[in-house]
């Protein structure tokens, strides 16, 4: 799937980064993925009140590498429980061998009263095991158009023939203020006792400067474990 049950990006844990993707090119596919995690984080901030969360996603990819998808996530703000529903569409193509550009647009809808729906557009350029990307808020409501998430990611497959390692760093901009996010993920897929599944753990830290919400959101070091399973229908 395009998205990953994500413990760091506002994006999702049901999306493996492009540098760790192993999808076949130019093939039609339809897949469903389910996952659970010990905490659902958005840039270091828990959307599940530091409690376990679950996600389910479905993605359809055309031979032209156009794709559309949906991702539903359980969220909790300590007073109310609900879901975050992401609907996205995008296009990925190879510029040259080992160099891929992926562009997508996402609409996030929240069922908890008071949480504002979001629209953003993203682009990611990947070369072999490194990728850089940017997500930009699109609309003016609550000044969301002043938001951007800029990241670089480095991935290593089968380190010591044991795990995949992903290093992720990001600068978050909102209304001319900055915060920083760092994450290390260790993962293992296609394990012998659970084919088409993946388990992993992410170690992450957010650092915010002069944000009014930084105290509430907490800039603590966090460890998140997750498991996901993929069903290929086509």
C-alpha atoms as a PDB file:
ATOM      1  CA  UNK A   1       0.000   0.000   0.000  1.00  0.00           C
ATOM      2  CA  UNK A   2       1.010   3.581  -0.494  1.00  0.00           C
ATOM      3  CA  UNK A   3       0.403   4.649   3.054  1.00  0.00           C
ATOM      4  CA  UNK A   4       1.848   3.205   6.212  1.00  0.00           C
ATOM      5  CA  UNK A   5       0.404   2.882   9.665  1.00  0.00           C
ATOM      6  CA  UNK A   6       2.493   5.696  10.686  1.00  0.00           C
ATOM      7  CA  UNK A   7       3.923   6.545  13.982  1.00  0.00           C
ATOM      8  CA  UNK A   8       5.637   9.670  12.817  1.00  0.00           C
ATOM      9  CA  UNK A   9       4.204  11.401   9.767  1.00  0.00           C
ATOM     10  CA  UNK A  10       0.744  12.857   9.992  1.00  0.00           C
ATOM     11  CA  UNK A  11       0.505  10.240   7.400  1.00  0.00           C
ATOM     12  CA  UNK A  12      -0.197   6.943   8.474  1.00  0.00           C
ATOM     13  CA  UNK A  13       1.298   3.565   9.630  1.00  0.00           C
ATOM     14  CA  UNK A  14      -0.339   1.793   6.706  1.00  0.00           C
ATOM     15  CA  UNK A  15       2.277   3.235   4.311  1.00  0.00           C
ATOM     16  CA  UNK A  16       5.708   2.043   3.847  1.00  0.00           C
ATOM     17  CA  UNK A  17       7.951   4.814   2.566  1.00  0.00           C
ATOM     18  CA  UNK A  18       8.830   4.565  -1.091  1.00  0.00           C
ATOM     19  CA  UNK A  19      12.395   3.566  -0.253  1.00  0.00           C
ATOM     20  CA  UNK A  20      11.141   0.371   1.344  1.00  0.00           C
ATOM     21  CA  UNK A  21       8.362  -0.378  -1.116  1.00  0.00           C
ATOM     22  CA  UNK A  22       8.520  -3.600  -3.061  1.00  0.00           C
ATOM     23  CA  UNK A  23       5.424  -3.220  -5.248  1.00  0.00           C
ATOM     24  CA  UNK A  24       5.705  -4.446  -8.827  1.00  0.00           C
ATOM     25  CA  UNK A  25       5.570  -1.695 -11.420  1.00  0.00           C
ATOM     26  CA  UNK A  26       2.835  -1.468 -14.065  1.00  0.00           C
ATOM     27  CA  UNK A  27       0.493  -3.916 -12.400  1.00  0.00           C
ATOM     28  CA  UNK A  28      -3.082  -3.415 -11.293  1.00  0.00           C
ATOM     29  CA  UNK A  29      -3.505  -4.117  -7.593  1.00  0.00           C
ATOM     30  CA  UNK A  30      -6.130  -3.939  -4.879  1.00  0.00           C
ATOM     31  CA  UNK A  31      -5.031  -4.417  -1.301  1.00  0.00           C
ATOM     32  CA  UNK A  32      -6.441  -4.144   2.188  1.00  0.00           C
ATOM     33  CA  UNK A  33      -4.273  -3.611   5.236  1.00  0.00           C
ATOM     34  CA  UNK A  34      -5.137  -3.776   8.918  1.00  0.00           C
ATOM     35  CA  UNK A  35      -2.876  -2.756  11.756  1.00  0.00           C
ATOM     36  CA  UNK A  36      -2.604  -2.067  15.444  1.00  0.00           C
ATOM     37  CA  UNK A  37      -0.109   0.096  17.324  1.00  0.00           C
ATOM     38  CA  UNK A  38       0.658   0.924  20.924  1.00  0.00           C
ATOM     39  CA  UNK A  39       0.206   4.662  20.239  1.00  0.00           C
ATOM     40  CA  UNK A  40      -0.924   6.664  17.191  1.00  0.00           C
ATOM     41  CA  UNK A  41       1.418   9.621  16.785  1.00  0.00           C
ATOM     42  CA  UNK A  42       1.222  12.665  14.536  1.00  0.00           C
ATOM     43  CA  UNK A  43       4.592  14.456  14.518  1.00  0.00           C
ATOM     44  CA  UNK A  44       5.170  13.164  18.042  1.00  0.00           C
ATOM     45  CA  UNK A  45       1.724  14.129  19.304  1.00  0.00           C
ATOM     46  CA  UNK A  46      -0.566  11.269  20.288  1.00  0.00           C
ATOM     47  CA  UNK A  47      -3.927  11.207  18.512  1.00  0.00           C
ATOM     48  CA  UNK A  48      -4.966   8.253  20.681  1.00  0.00           C
ATOM     49  CA  UNK A  49      -4.287   9.782  24.131  1.00  0.00           C
ATOM     50  CA  UNK A  50      -1.144   7.623  24.470  1.00  0.00           C
ATOM     51  CA  UNK A  51      -3.298   4.505  24.178  1.00  0.00           C
ATOM     52  CA  UNK A  52      -3.322   1.684  21.592  1.00  0.00           C
ATOM     53  CA  UNK A  53      -4.965   2.392  18.268  1.00  0.00           C
ATOM     54  CA  UNK A  54      -6.053   0.461  15.181  1.00  0.00           C
ATOM     55  CA  UNK A  55      -6.208   1.252  11.468  1.00  0.00           C
ATOM     56  CA  UNK A  56      -7.679  -0.222   8.324  1.00  0.00           C
ATOM     57  CA  UNK A  57      -6.879   0.864   4.791  1.00  0.00           C
ATOM     58  CA  UNK A  58      -7.699  -0.032   1.216  1.00  0.00           C
ATOM     59  CA  UNK A  59      -5.810   1.003  -1.908  1.00  0.00           C
ATOM     60  CA  UNK A  60      -6.395   0.494  -5.622  1.00  0.00           C
ATOM     61  CA  UNK A  61      -3.474   1.009  -8.001  1.00  0.00           C
ATOM     62  CA  UNK A  62      -3.778   1.163 -11.791  1.00  0.00           C
ATOM     63  CA  UNK A  63      -1.147  -0.129 -14.251  1.00  0.00           C
ATOM     64  CA  UNK A  64      -0.407   3.537 -15.032  1.00  0.00           C
ATOM     65  CA  UNK A  65       0.697   3.941 -11.365  1.00  0.00           C
ATOM     66  CA  UNK A  66      -2.252   6.154 -10.532  1.00  0.00           C
ATOM     67  CA  UNK A  67      -3.702   5.139  -7.186  1.00  0.00           C
ATOM     68  CA  UNK A  68      -6.537   5.972  -4.797  1.00  0.00           C
ATOM     69  CA  UNK A  69      -6.988   4.877  -1.221  1.00  0.00           C
ATOM     70  CA  UNK A  70      -8.683   5.222   2.146  1.00  0.00           C
ATOM     71  CA  UNK A  71      -7.268   4.916   5.649  1.00  0.00           C
ATOM     72  CA  UNK A  72      -9.368   4.870   8.817  1.00  0.00           C
ATOM     73  CA  UNK A  73      -7.739   5.338  12.225  1.00  0.00           C
ATOM     74  CA  UNK A  74      -9.061   5.181  15.779  1.00  0.00           C
ATOM     75  CA  UNK A  75      -8.418   8.422  17.708  1.00  0.00           C
ATOM     76  CA  UNK A  76      -9.048   9.589  21.279  1.00  0.00           C
ATOM     77  CA  UNK A  77      -8.688  13.089  22.766  1.00  0.00           C
ATOM     78  CA  UNK A  78      -9.166  11.830  26.376  1.00  0.00           C
ATOM     79  CA  UNK A  79     -12.761  13.117  26.421  1.00  0.00           C
ATOM     80  CA  UNK A  80     -14.123  11.784  23.145  1.00  0.00           C
ATOM     81  CA  UNK A  81     -13.430   8.836  20.883  1.00  0.00           C
ATOM     82  CA  UNK A  82     -13.778   8.781  17.127  1.00  0.00           C
ATOM     83  CA  UNK A  83     -12.022   8.178  13.841  1.00  0.00           C
ATOM     84  CA  UNK A  84      -9.696   9.997  11.477  1.00  0.00           C
ATOM     85  CA  UNK A  85     -10.586   9.187   7.873  1.00  0.00           C
ATOM     86  CA  UNK A  86      -8.028   9.869   5.154  1.00  0.00           C
ATOM     87  CA  UNK A  87      -8.976   9.728   1.466  1.00  0.00           C
ATOM     88  CA  UNK A  88      -6.102  10.167  -0.964  1.00  0.00           C
ATOM     89  CA  UNK A  89      -5.135   9.902  -4.629  1.00  0.00           C
ATOM     90  CA  UNK A  90      -1.781  10.129  -6.324  1.00  0.00           C
ATOM     91  CA  UNK A  91       0.588   9.266  -9.112  1.00  0.00           C
ATOM     92  CA  UNK A  92       4.076   7.738  -8.924  1.00  0.00           C
ATOM     93  CA  UNK A  93       6.488   7.311 -11.810  1.00  0.00           C
ATOM     94  CA  UNK A  94      10.150   6.630 -12.501  1.00  0.00           C
ATOM     95  CA  UNK A  95      12.081   9.607 -13.834  1.00  0.00           C
ATOM     96  CA  UNK A  96      15.031   7.342 -14.515  1.00  0.00           C
ATOM     97  CA  UNK A  97      16.389   4.089 -13.110  1.00  0.00           C
ATOM     98  CA  UNK A  98      16.208   4.082  -9.286  1.00  0.00           C
ATOM     99  CA  UNK A  99      14.767   7.633  -9.259  1.00  0.00           C
ATOM    100  CA  UNK A 100      11.037   7.903  -8.471  1.00  0.00           C
ATOM    101  CA  UNK A 101       8.705  10.850  -8.006  1.00  0.00           C
ATOM    102  CA  UNK A 102       5.486  10.310  -6.071  1.00  0.00           C
ATOM    103  CA  UNK A 103       2.793  13.003  -5.753  1.00  0.00           C
ATOM    104  CA  UNK A 104      -0.497  12.735  -3.891  1.00  0.00           C
ATOM    105  CA  UNK A 105      -3.331  14.772  -2.408  1.00  0.00           C
ATOM    106  CA  UNK A 106      -5.029  13.864   0.878  1.00  0.00           C
ATOM    107  CA  UNK A 107      -8.257  14.877   2.618  1.00  0.00           C
ATOM    108  CA  UNK A 108      -8.483  14.085   6.347  1.00  0.00           C
ATOM    109  CA  UNK A 109     -11.880  14.044   8.074  1.00  0.00           C
ATOM    110  CA  UNK A 110     -12.280  13.851  11.865  1.00  0.00           C
ATOM    111  CA  UNK A 111     -15.425  12.598  13.602  1.00  0.00           C
ATOM    112  CA  UNK A 112     -14.572  14.245  16.941  1.00  0.00           C
ATOM    113  CA  UNK A 113     -16.261  17.622  17.349  1.00  0.00           C
ATOM    114  CA  UNK A 114     -13.836  20.533  17.286  1.00  0.00           C
ATOM    115  CA  UNK A 115     -11.147  18.805  15.248  1.00  0.00           C
ATOM    116  CA  UNK A 116     -10.753  20.577  11.902  1.00  0.00           C
ATOM    117  CA  UNK A 117     -10.676  18.653   8.634  1.00  0.00           C
ATOM    118  CA  UNK A 118      -7.484  19.037   6.619  1.00  0.00           C
ATOM    119  CA  UNK A 119      -6.456  19.074   2.973  1.00  0.00           C
ATOM    120  CA  UNK A 120      -2.856  18.825   1.854  1.00  0.00           C
ATOM    121  CA  UNK A 121      -0.687  17.958  -1.126  1.00  0.00           C
ATOM    122  CA  UNK A 122       2.570  16.015  -0.947  1.00  0.00           C
ATOM    123  CA  UNK A 123       5.509  15.107  -3.142  1.00  0.00           C
ATOM    124  CA  UNK A 124       8.333  12.677  -2.490  1.00  0.00           C
ATOM    125  CA  UNK A 125      11.482  12.124  -4.540  1.00  0.00           C
ATOM    126  CA  UNK A 126      13.264   8.825  -3.915  1.00  0.00           C
ATOM    127  CA  UNK A 127      16.618   7.567  -5.120  1.00  0.00           C
ATOM    128  CA  UNK A 128      17.572   4.051  -4.083  1.00  0.00           C
ATOM    129  CA  UNK A 129      17.450   4.082  -0.282  1.00  0.00           C
ATOM    130  CA  UNK A 130      16.986   7.814   0.342  1.00  0.00           C
ATOM    131  CA  UNK A 131      13.963  10.054  -0.094  1.00  0.00           C
ATOM    132  CA  UNK A 132      13.035  13.675   0.482  1.00  0.00           C
ATOM    133  CA  UNK A 133       9.539  15.106   0.573  1.00  0.00           C
ATOM    134  CA  UNK A 134       7.206  17.921   1.481  1.00  0.00           C
ATOM    135  CA  UNK A 135       3.581  18.108   2.587  1.00  0.00           C
ATOM    136  CA  UNK A 136       1.835  21.469   2.219  1.00  0.00           C
ATOM    137  CA  UNK A 137      -1.488  22.519   3.754  1.00  0.00           C
ATOM    138  CA  UNK A 138      -3.945  23.745   1.139  1.00  0.00           C
ATOM    139  CA  UNK A 139      -6.741  25.794   2.679  1.00  0.00           C
ATOM    140  CA  UNK A 140      -7.011  28.939   4.795  1.00  0.00           C
ATOM    141  CA  UNK A 141      -9.305  27.639   7.514  1.00  0.00           C
ATOM    142  CA  UNK A 142      -7.543  27.973  10.865  1.00  0.00           C
ATOM    143  CA  UNK A 143      -4.460  29.115   8.888  1.00  0.00           C
ATOM    144  CA  UNK A 144      -3.767  25.537   7.777  1.00  0.00           C
ATOM    145  CA  UNK A 145      -2.216  26.867   4.564  1.00  0.00           C
ATOM    146  CA  UNK A 146       0.688  28.053   6.751  1.00  0.00           C
ATOM    147  CA  UNK A 147       1.516  24.437   7.605  1.00  0.00           C
ATOM    148  CA  UNK A 148       4.197  22.323   5.937  1.00  0.00           C
ATOM    149  CA  UNK A 149       6.033  19.104   6.796  1.00  0.00           C
ATOM    150  CA  UNK A 150       9.468  18.659   5.200  1.00  0.00           C
ATOM    151  CA  UNK A 151      11.270  15.372   5.600  1.00  0.00           C
ATOM    152  CA  UNK A 152      14.253  13.267   4.624  1.00  0.00           C
ATOM    153  CA  UNK A 153      14.317   9.508   5.073  1.00  0.00           C
ATOM    154  CA  UNK A 154      17.031   6.899   4.769  1.00  0.00           C
ATOM    155  CA  UNK A 155      16.242   3.179   4.641  1.00  0.00           C
ATOM    156  CA  UNK A 156      18.324   0.017   4.877  1.00  0.00           C
ATOM    157  CA  UNK A 157      16.881  -3.411   4.052  1.00  0.00           C
ATOM    158  CA  UNK A 158      17.805  -6.602   5.898  1.00  0.00           C
ATOM    159  CA  UNK A 159      20.460  -5.104   8.128  1.00  0.00           C
ATOM    160  CA  UNK A 160      22.542  -8.015   9.435  1.00  0.00           C
ATOM    161  CA  UNK A 161      19.916 -10.176   7.674  1.00  0.00           C
ATOM    162  CA  UNK A 162      17.565  -9.401  10.549  1.00  0.00           C
ATOM    163  CA  UNK A 163      15.615  -6.121  10.259  1.00  0.00           C
ATOM    164  CA  UNK A 164      14.860  -3.164   8.016  1.00  0.00           C
ATOM    165  CA  UNK A 165      16.051   0.162   9.440  1.00  0.00           C
ATOM    166  CA  UNK A 166      14.499   3.535   8.613  1.00  0.00           C
ATOM    167  CA  UNK A 167      15.872   6.899   9.758  1.00  0.00           C
ATOM    168  CA  UNK A 168      13.455   9.819   9.483  1.00  0.00           C
ATOM    169  CA  UNK A 169      13.987  13.525  10.161  1.00  0.00           C
ATOM    170  CA  UNK A 170      11.591  16.408   9.561  1.00  0.00           C
ATOM    171  CA  UNK A 171      11.116  20.130   9.972  1.00  0.00           C
ATOM    172  CA  UNK A 172       7.532  21.226  10.618  1.00  0.00           C
ATOM    173  CA  UNK A 173       6.548  24.804   9.827  1.00  0.00           C
ATOM    174  CA  UNK A 174       3.385  26.522  11.034  1.00  0.00           C
ATOM    175  CA  UNK A 175       2.798  30.268  10.935  1.00  0.00           C
ATOM    176  CA  UNK A 176       6.563  30.977  10.762  1.00  0.00           C
ATOM    177  CA  UNK A 177       7.271  28.769  13.777  1.00  0.00           C
ATOM    178  CA  UNK A 178       9.311  25.579  13.538  1.00  0.00           C
ATOM    179  CA  UNK A 179       9.476  22.220  15.211  1.00  0.00           C
ATOM    180  CA  UNK A 180      11.664  19.211  14.562  1.00  0.00           C
ATOM    181  CA  UNK A 181      10.941  15.506  14.517  1.00  0.00           C
ATOM    182  CA  UNK A 182      13.312  12.533  14.545  1.00  0.00           C
ATOM    183  CA  UNK A 183      12.503   8.833  14.330  1.00  0.00           C
ATOM    184  CA  UNK A 184      14.232   5.468  14.069  1.00  0.00           C
ATOM    185  CA  UNK A 185      12.138   2.486  12.987  1.00  0.00           C
ATOM    186  CA  UNK A 186      13.157  -1.176  13.128  1.00  0.00           C
ATOM    187  CA  UNK A 187      10.839  -3.499  11.212  1.00  0.00           C
ATOM    188  CA  UNK A 188      10.567  -7.022   9.893  1.00  0.00           C
ATOM    189  CA  UNK A 189       8.143  -8.221   7.227  1.00  0.00           C
ATOM    190  CA  UNK A 190       7.129 -11.607   5.821  1.00  0.00           C
ATOM    191  CA  UNK A 191       8.051 -13.296   9.074  1.00  0.00           C
ATOM    192  CA  UNK A 192       7.891 -17.076   9.025  1.00  0.00           C
ATOM    193  CA  UNK A 193       4.861 -17.401  11.289  1.00  0.00           C
ATOM    194  CA  UNK A 194       2.865 -14.591   9.626  1.00  0.00           C
ATOM    195  CA  UNK A 195       3.358 -14.197   5.888  1.00  0.00           C
ATOM    196  CA  UNK A 196       2.349 -10.801   4.418  1.00  0.00           C
ATOM    197  CA  UNK A 197       2.585  -9.146   7.823  1.00  0.00           C
ATOM    198  CA  UNK A 198       5.043  -6.721   9.385  1.00  0.00           C
ATOM    199  CA  UNK A 199       6.053  -5.960  12.938  1.00  0.00           C
ATOM    200  CA  UNK A 200       8.125  -3.030  14.062  1.00  0.00           C
ATOM    201  CA  UNK A 201       9.079  -0.514  16.707  1.00  0.00           C
ATOM    202  CA  UNK A 202       9.706   3.216  16.331  1.00  0.00           C
ATOM    203  CA  UNK A 203      11.776   5.390  18.642  1.00  0.00           C
ATOM    204  CA  UNK A 204      10.940   9.075  18.165  1.00  0.00           C
ATOM    205  CA  UNK A 205      11.377  12.556  19.594  1.00  0.00           C
ATOM    206  CA  UNK A 206       9.696  15.862  18.799  1.00  0.00           C
ATOM    207  CA  UNK A 207      11.286  19.202  19.585  1.00  0.00           C
ATOM    208  CA  UNK A 208       9.212  22.368  19.436  1.00  0.00           C
ATOM    209  CA  UNK A 209      10.309  25.962  19.826  1.00  0.00           C
ATOM    210  CA  UNK A 210       7.926  28.549  21.320  1.00  0.00           C
ATOM    211  CA  UNK A 211       4.767  26.724  20.264  1.00  0.00           C
ATOM    212  CA  UNK A 212       1.736  27.577  22.374  1.00  0.00           C
ATOM    213  CA  UNK A 213       0.675  23.926  22.261  1.00  0.00           C
ATOM    214  CA  UNK A 214       4.093  22.430  22.954  1.00  0.00           C
ATOM    215  CA  UNK A 215       3.336  21.859  26.624  1.00  0.00           C
ATOM    216  CA  UNK A 216       0.051  20.150  25.860  1.00  0.00           C
ATOM    217  CA  UNK A 217       1.434  18.100  23.014  1.00  0.00           C
ATOM    218  CA  UNK A 218       4.578  17.127  24.908  1.00  0.00           C
ATOM    219  CA  UNK A 219       8.067  16.908  23.436  1.00  0.00           C
ATOM    220  CA  UNK A 220       8.855  13.579  25.035  1.00  0.00           C
ATOM    221  CA  UNK A 221      10.862  10.661  23.720  1.00  0.00           C
ATOM    222  CA  UNK A 222       8.409   7.919  22.799  1.00  0.00           C
ATOM    223  CA  UNK A 223       8.562   4.275  21.773  1.00  0.00           C
ATOM    224  CA  UNK A 224       5.773   2.793  19.657  1.00  0.00           C
ATOM    225  CA  UNK A 225       5.303  -0.810  18.586  1.00  0.00           C
ATOM    226  CA  UNK A 226       3.094  -1.871  15.692  1.00  0.00           C
ATOM    227  CA  UNK A 227       1.867  -4.834  13.667  1.00  0.00           C
ATOM    228  CA  UNK A 228       0.156  -4.824  10.275  1.00  0.00           C
ATOM    229  CA  UNK A 229      -1.204  -7.420   7.868  1.00  0.00           C
ATOM    230  CA  UNK A 230      -1.760  -7.060   4.138  1.00  0.00           C
ATOM    231  CA  UNK A 231      -4.426  -8.773   2.013  1.00  0.00           C
ATOM    232  CA  UNK A 232      -3.808  -8.662  -1.740  1.00  0.00           C
ATOM    233  CA  UNK A 233      -7.123  -8.985  -3.574  1.00  0.00           C
ATOM    234  CA  UNK A 234      -5.756  -8.500  -7.114  1.00  0.00           C
END
